[in-house]
C-alpha atoms as a PDB file:
ATOM      1  CA  MET A   1      63.980  62.067  70.100  1.00  0.00           C
ATOM      2  CA  PRO A   2      65.178  64.933  68.252  1.00  0.00           C
ATOM      3  CA  TRP A   3      65.828  62.821  65.212  1.00  0.00           C
ATOM      4  CA  MET A   4      62.109  61.975  64.869  1.00  0.00           C
ATOM      5  CA  LEU A   5      61.064  65.416  64.010  1.00  0.00           C
ATOM      6  CA  PRO A   6      63.079  65.586  60.806  1.00  0.00           C
ATOM      7  CA  ALA A   7      62.012  62.019  59.949  1.00  0.00           C
ATOM      8  CA  ALA A   8      58.373  62.969  60.471  1.00  0.00           C
ATOM      9  CA  VAL A   9      58.808  65.981  58.264  1.00  0.00           C
ATOM     10  CA  VAL A  10      60.445  63.872  55.541  1.00  0.00           C
ATOM     11  CA  GLY A  11      57.771  61.178  55.877  1.00  0.00           C
ATOM     12  CA  SER A  12      55.035  63.737  55.778  1.00  0.00           C
ATOM     13  CA  THR A  13      56.571  65.329  52.712  1.00  0.00           C
ATOM     14  CA  LEU A  14      56.902  61.969  50.991  1.00  0.00           C
ATOM     15  CA  PHE A  15      53.321  61.097  51.828  1.00  0.00           C
ATOM     16  CA  SER A  16      52.086  64.466  50.564  1.00  0.00           C
ATOM     17  CA  ALA A  17      54.081  64.097  47.355  1.00  0.00           C
ATOM     18  CA  ASN A  18      52.744  60.614  46.811  1.00  0.00           C
ATOM     19  CA  ALA A  19      49.175  61.791  47.468  1.00  0.00           C
ATOM     20  CA  ALA A  20      49.634  64.724  45.071  1.00  0.00           C
ATOM     21  CA  LYS A  21      51.019  62.405  42.395  1.00  0.00           C
ATOM     22  CA  SER A  22      48.042  60.108  42.819  1.00  0.00           C
ATOM     23  CA  ALA A  23      45.605  63.032  42.717  1.00  0.00           C
ATOM     24  CA  GLY A  24      47.314  64.358  39.560  1.00  0.00           C
ATOM     25  CA  ALA A  25      47.039  60.960  37.875  1.00  0.00           C
ATOM     26  CA  GLN A  26      43.364  60.779  38.834  1.00  0.00           C
ATOM     27  CA  ALA A  27      42.764  64.301  37.519  1.00  0.00           C
ATOM     28  CA  ALA A  28      44.561  63.477  34.251  1.00  0.00           C
ATOM     29  CA  ALA A  29      42.518  60.296  33.846  1.00  0.00           C
ATOM     30  CA  ALA A  30      39.300  62.231  34.523  1.00  0.00           C
ATOM     31  CA  GLN A  31      40.283  64.883  31.968  1.00  0.00           C
ATOM     32  CA  GLN A  32      41.133  62.222  29.389  1.00  0.00           C
ATOM     33  CA  ALA A  33      37.804  60.486  29.972  1.00  0.00           C
ATOM     34  CA  ALA A  34      35.985  63.821  29.655  1.00  0.00           C
ATOM     35  CA  GLY A  35      37.878  64.589  26.409  1.00  0.00           C
ATOM     36  CA  GLU A  36      37.027  61.184  24.939  1.00  0.00           C
ATOM     37  CA  ALA A  37      33.369  61.627  25.899  1.00  0.00           C
ATOM     38  CA  ALA A  38      33.337  65.100  24.296  1.00  0.00           C
ATOM     39  CA  ALA A  39      34.995  63.753  21.127  1.00  0.00           C
ATOM     40  CA  LYS A  40      32.481  60.942  20.905  1.00  0.00           C
ATOM     41  CA  ALA A  41      29.611  63.394  21.395  1.00  0.00           C
ATOM     42  CA  ALA A  42      31.039  65.672  18.689  1.00  0.00           C
ATOM     43  CA  GLU A  43      31.221  62.866  16.086  1.00  0.00           C
ATOM     44  CA  PHE A  44      28.791  63.249  13.177  1.00  0.00           C
ATOM     45  CA  LYS A  45      25.941  60.830  13.477  1.00  0.00           C
ATOM     46  CA  PRO A  46      24.081  60.390  10.188  1.00  0.00           C
ATOM     47  CA  TYR A  47      20.363  60.747  10.270  1.00  0.00           C
ATOM     48  CA  SER A  48      17.500  61.021   7.856  1.00  0.00           C
ATOM     49  CA  VAL A  49      14.887  63.728   7.554  1.00  0.00           C
ATOM     50  CA  THR A  50      11.356  63.018   6.403  1.00  0.00           C
ATOM     51  CA  THR A  51       9.010  65.777   5.269  1.00  0.00           C
ATOM     52  CA  GLY A  52       5.922  65.995   3.115  1.00  0.00           C
ATOM     53  CA  PHE A  53       8.236  66.207   0.091  1.00  0.00           C
ATOM     54  CA  GLY A  54      10.142  62.988   0.795  1.00  0.00           C
ATOM     55  CA  THR A  55      13.030  61.579   2.830  1.00  0.00           C
ATOM     56  CA  GLY A  56      16.656  62.686   2.881  1.00  0.00           C
ATOM     57  CA  TYR A  57      19.302  60.172   3.948  1.00  0.00           C
ATOM     58  CA  ILE A  58      23.031  59.884   4.614  1.00  0.00           C
ATOM     59  CA  ASN A  59      24.924  56.587   4.280  1.00  0.00           C
ATOM     60  CA  PRO A  60      28.271  56.781   6.164  1.00  0.00           C
ATOM     61  CA  GLU A  61      29.467  53.465   4.746  1.00  0.00           C
ATOM     62  CA  THR A  62      29.263  54.608   1.115  1.00  0.00           C
ATOM     63  CA  GLN A  63      29.779  58.280   2.031  1.00  0.00           C
ATOM     64  CA  GLN A  64      26.765  59.276   0.003  1.00  0.00           C
ATOM     65  CA  ALA A  65      23.717  61.366   0.698  1.00  0.00           C
ATOM     66  CA  GLY A  66      20.494  61.604  -1.239  1.00  0.00           C
ATOM     67  CA  TYR A  67      16.763  61.888  -1.088  1.00  0.00           C
ATOM     68  CA  GLN A  68      13.727  59.900  -2.052  1.00  0.00           C
ATOM     69  CA  LEU A  69      10.761  61.962  -3.216  1.00  0.00           C
ATOM     70  CA  ASP A  70       7.297  61.272  -1.977  1.00  0.00           C
ATOM     71  CA  PRO A  71       5.686  58.907  -4.547  1.00  0.00           C
ATOM     72  CA  VAL A  72       3.001  61.442  -5.488  1.00  0.00           C
ATOM     73  CA  LEU A  73       5.570  64.174  -6.103  1.00  0.00           C
ATOM     74  CA  GLU A  74       7.814  61.741  -7.960  1.00  0.00           C
ATOM     75  CA  ALA A  75       4.972  60.848 -10.334  1.00  0.00           C
ATOM     76  CA  PHE A  76       4.242  64.557 -10.840  1.00  0.00           C
ATOM     77  CA  ARG A  77       7.932  65.325 -11.511  1.00  0.00           C
ATOM     78  CA  ASN A  78       8.205  62.475 -13.996  1.00  0.00           C
ATOM     79  CA  SER A  79       5.102  63.585 -15.872  1.00  0.00           C
ATOM     80  CA  MET A  80       6.448  67.151 -16.042  1.00  0.00           C
ATOM     81  CA  TYR A  81       9.830  65.952 -17.332  1.00  0.00           C
ATOM     82  CA  GLY A  82       8.069  63.796 -19.907  1.00  0.00           C
ATOM     83  CA  GLY A  83       5.861  66.690 -20.958  1.00  0.00           C
ATOM     84  CA  ALA A  84       8.879  68.978 -21.304  1.00  0.00           C
ATOM     85  CA  GLY A  85      10.606  66.462 -23.536  1.00  0.00           C
ATOM     86  CA  GLN A  86       7.489  66.092 -25.637  1.00  0.00           C
ATOM     87  CA  PHE A  87       7.162  69.869 -25.881  1.00  0.00           C
ATOM     88  CA  LEU A  88      10.777  70.333 -26.910  1.00  0.00           C
ATOM     89  CA  SER A  89      10.466  67.644 -29.557  1.00  0.00           C
ATOM     90  CA  GLN A  90       7.608  69.651 -31.086  1.00  0.00           C
ATOM     91  CA  VAL A  91       9.620  72.876 -31.195  1.00  0.00           C
ATOM     92  CA  GLN A  92      11.057  73.275 -34.656  1.00  0.00           C
ATOM     93  CA  ALA A  93      14.600  74.634 -34.351  1.00  0.00           C
ATOM     94  CA  ASP A  94      15.449  74.988 -38.074  1.00  0.00           C
ATOM     95  CA  PRO A  95      14.087  78.390 -39.191  1.00  0.00           C
ATOM     96  CA  GLN A  96      13.858  77.393 -42.868  1.00  0.00           C
ATOM     97  CA  LEU A  97      11.973  74.208 -42.125  1.00  0.00           C
ATOM     98  CA  ALA A  98       9.756  76.081 -39.661  1.00  0.00           C
ATOM     99  CA  ALA A  99       9.075  78.748 -42.314  1.00  0.00           C
ATOM    100  CA  GLN A 100       8.126  76.056 -44.836  1.00  0.00           C
ATOM    101  CA  ASN A 101       5.847  74.408 -42.268  1.00  0.00           C
ATOM    102  CA  TYR A 102       4.258  77.765 -41.468  1.00  0.00           C
ATOM    103  CA  TYR A 103       3.719  78.500 -45.172  1.00  0.00           C
ATOM    104  CA  ASN A 104       2.196  75.057 -45.756  1.00  0.00           C
ATOM    105  CA  GLN A 105      -0.125  75.456 -42.758  1.00  0.00           C
ATOM    106  CA  GLN A 106      -1.341  78.820 -44.029  1.00  0.00           C
ATOM    107  CA  GLN A 107      -1.880  77.404 -47.515  1.00  0.00           C
ATOM    108  CA  ALA A 108      -3.902  74.540 -46.024  1.00  0.00           C
ATOM    109  CA  LEU A 109      -6.012  77.054 -44.099  1.00  0.00           C
ATOM    110  CA  MET A 110      -6.688  79.076 -47.259  1.00  0.00           C
ATOM    111  CA  ALA A 111      -7.371  76.027 -49.453  1.00  0.00           C
ATOM    112  CA  GLY A 112     -10.985  75.616 -48.344  1.00  0.00           C
ATOM    113  CA  GLY A 113     -11.836  79.259 -48.957  1.00  0.00           C
ATOM    114  CA  ARG A 114     -10.092  79.247 -52.315  1.00  0.00           C
ATOM    115  CA  GLY A 115     -11.987  76.158 -53.372  1.00  0.00           C
ATOM    116  CA  ALA A 116     -15.258  77.862 -52.471  1.00  0.00           C
ATOM    117  CA  GLU A 117     -14.207  80.976 -54.449  1.00  0.00           C
ATOM    118  CA  ASP A 118     -13.463  78.811 -57.484  1.00  0.00           C
ATOM    119  CA  ILE A 119     -16.900  77.182 -57.345  1.00  0.00           C
ATOM    120  CA  ALA A 120     -18.642  80.537 -56.840  1.00  0.00           C
ATOM    121  CA  LEU A 121     -16.784  82.075 -59.804  1.00  0.00           C
ATOM    122  CA  ARG A 122     -17.667  79.139 -62.076  1.00  0.00           C
ATOM    123  CA  GLN A 123     -21.319  79.340 -61.014  1.00  0.00           C
ATOM    124  CA  GLN A 124     -21.378  83.079 -61.677  1.00  0.00           C
ATOM    125  CA  GLN A 125     -19.746  82.667 -65.108  1.00  0.00           C
ATOM    126  CA  LEU A 126     -22.099  79.810 -65.963  1.00  0.00           C
ATOM    127  CA  GLN A 127     -25.171  81.872 -65.011  1.00  0.00           C
ATOM    128  CA  GLN A 128     -23.899  84.839 -67.031  1.00  0.00           C
ATOM    129  CA  GLY A 129     -22.928  82.702 -70.017  1.00  0.00           C
ATOM    130  CA  ARG A 130     -19.226  83.571 -69.762  1.00  0.00           C
ATOM    131  CA  ILE A 131     -17.843  80.187 -68.665  1.00  0.00           C
ATOM    132  CA  GLY A 132     -15.876  79.654 -71.898  1.00  0.00           C
ATOM    133  CA  LEU A 133     -14.752  83.264 -72.324  1.00  0.00           C
ATOM    134  CA  GLY A 134     -11.066  83.539 -73.106  1.00  0.00           C
ATOM    135  CA  LEU A 135      -8.919  86.462 -74.146  1.00  0.00           C
ATOM    136  CA  SER A 136      -5.378  86.326 -75.403  1.00  0.00           C
ATOM    137  CA  GLY A 137      -2.756  86.092 -72.711  1.00  0.00           C
ATOM    138  CA  ALA A 138      -0.842  88.964 -74.262  1.00  0.00           C
ATOM    139  CA  ALA A 139      -3.906  91.229 -74.042  1.00  0.00           C
ATOM    140  CA  MET A 140      -4.385  90.305 -70.366  1.00  0.00           C
ATOM    141  CA  GLY A 141      -0.748  90.864 -69.444  1.00  0.00           C
ATOM    142  CA  ALA A 142       0.019  87.161 -69.020  1.00  0.00           C
ATOM    143  CA  GLY A 143       2.636  87.238 -71.749  1.00  0.00           C
ATOM    144  CA  MET A 144       3.019  85.840 -75.220  1.00  0.00           C
ATOM    145  CA  GLY A 145       2.371  82.154 -75.836  1.00  0.00           C
ATOM    146  CA  THR A 146       0.049  81.643 -72.879  1.00  0.00           C
ATOM    147  CA  GLY A 147      -2.968  81.013 -75.018  1.00  0.00           C
ATOM    148  CA  TYR A 148      -6.405  82.225 -74.083  1.00  0.00           C
ATOM    149  CA  VAL A 149      -7.193  83.093 -70.472  1.00  0.00           C
ATOM    150  CA  ASN A 150     -10.401  83.871 -68.647  1.00  0.00           C
ATOM    151  CA  PRO A 151     -10.113  87.473 -67.397  1.00  0.00           C
ATOM    152  CA  GLN A 152     -11.807  86.874 -64.047  1.00  0.00           C
ATOM    153  CA  GLN A 153      -9.866  83.682 -63.337  1.00  0.00           C
ATOM    154  CA  TYR A 154      -6.633  85.401 -64.318  1.00  0.00           C
ATOM    155  CA  GLN A 155      -7.283  88.342 -61.975  1.00  0.00           C
ATOM    156  CA  ARG A 156      -8.164  85.917 -59.167  1.00  0.00           C
ATOM    157  CA  ASP A 157      -4.965  83.934 -59.778  1.00  0.00           C
ATOM    158  CA  LEU A 158      -2.861  87.129 -59.818  1.00  0.00           C
ATOM    159  CA  ALA A 159      -4.354  88.200 -56.484  1.00  0.00           C
ATOM    160  CA  ARG A 160      -3.668  84.769 -55.003  1.00  0.00           C
ATOM    161  CA  ALA A 161      -0.096  84.791 -56.289  1.00  0.00           C
ATOM    162  CA  GLN A 162       0.455  88.173 -54.651  1.00  0.00           C
ATOM    163  CA  ILE A 163      -0.920  86.885 -51.327  1.00  0.00           C
ATOM    164  CA  ASP A 164       1.281  83.778 -51.608  1.00  0.00           C
ATOM    165  CA  GLN A 165       4.371  85.939 -52.222  1.00  0.00           C
ATOM    166  CA  GLN A 166       3.604  88.082 -49.167  1.00  0.00           C
ATOM    167  CA  LEU A 167       3.028  84.952 -47.098  1.00  0.00           C
ATOM    168  CA  ALA A 168       6.307  83.422 -48.290  1.00  0.00           C
ATOM    169  CA  ALA A 169       8.175  86.636 -47.463  1.00  0.00           C
ATOM    170  CA  SER A 170       6.744  86.834 -43.950  1.00  0.00           C
ATOM    171  CA  SER A 171       6.903  83.088 -43.177  1.00  0.00           C
ATOM    172  CA  THR A 172      10.545  83.158 -42.067  1.00  0.00           C
ATOM    173  CA  GLN A 173       9.947  86.036 -39.663  1.00  0.00           C
ATOM    174  CA  LEU A 174       6.749  84.532 -38.284  1.00  0.00           C
ATOM    175  CA  ALA A 175       8.317  81.076 -37.937  1.00  0.00           C
ATOM    176  CA  GLN A 176      11.353  82.526 -36.095  1.00  0.00           C
ATOM    177  CA  ALA A 177       9.007  84.414 -33.779  1.00  0.00           C
ATOM    178  CA  ASP A 178       7.166  81.157 -33.083  1.00  0.00           C
ATOM    179  CA  ILE A 179      10.490  79.368 -32.369  1.00  0.00           C
ATOM    180  CA  ASP A 180      11.564  82.145 -30.003  1.00  0.00           C
ATOM    181  CA  LYS A 181       8.198  82.158 -28.245  1.00  0.00           C
ATOM    182  CA  ALA A 182       8.163  78.356 -27.835  1.00  0.00           C
ATOM    183  CA  ALA A 183      11.744  78.274 -26.561  1.00  0.00           C
ATOM    184  CA  SER A 184      11.093  80.993 -23.972  1.00  0.00           C
ATOM    185  CA  CYS A 185       8.141  79.188 -22.362  1.00  0.00           C
END
């Protein structure tokens, strides 16, 4: 039976090769299954996050992400945005118009005091008997053809005109400073 030994060796080799091939196929299948499981585990799974500020979300179907603020914070945000818009609508951006507004406001503030000065001067002149006193405009420095002027009223009016000129000159600068201050807040 000398021929059986080589046949046994060949059979054993064939069996071993077949077993190795089967083990290799099983190992490859196991590796493929492990790779697929790892790929599935590595896939991005959208989720949402909820905090005290609101909820963040991701929608994979529309490929969009966003957030929804907490209703209390949303109301606060909306009121702040509305207030900012209201504030900006009040800010005067045209320096000339702002200067005119500033000048008019200052004139309105001085109007009450000037009215009281006028009444006090008339009362004083009435008590002193000088209510109808008038000197020539040329003698007072008001110029020719101005007729008669009351010296105290003329001096008062000159002082007011000087204050008005100073106010007009400074209105542009003050208005621009107000615009700059309002815009920087």
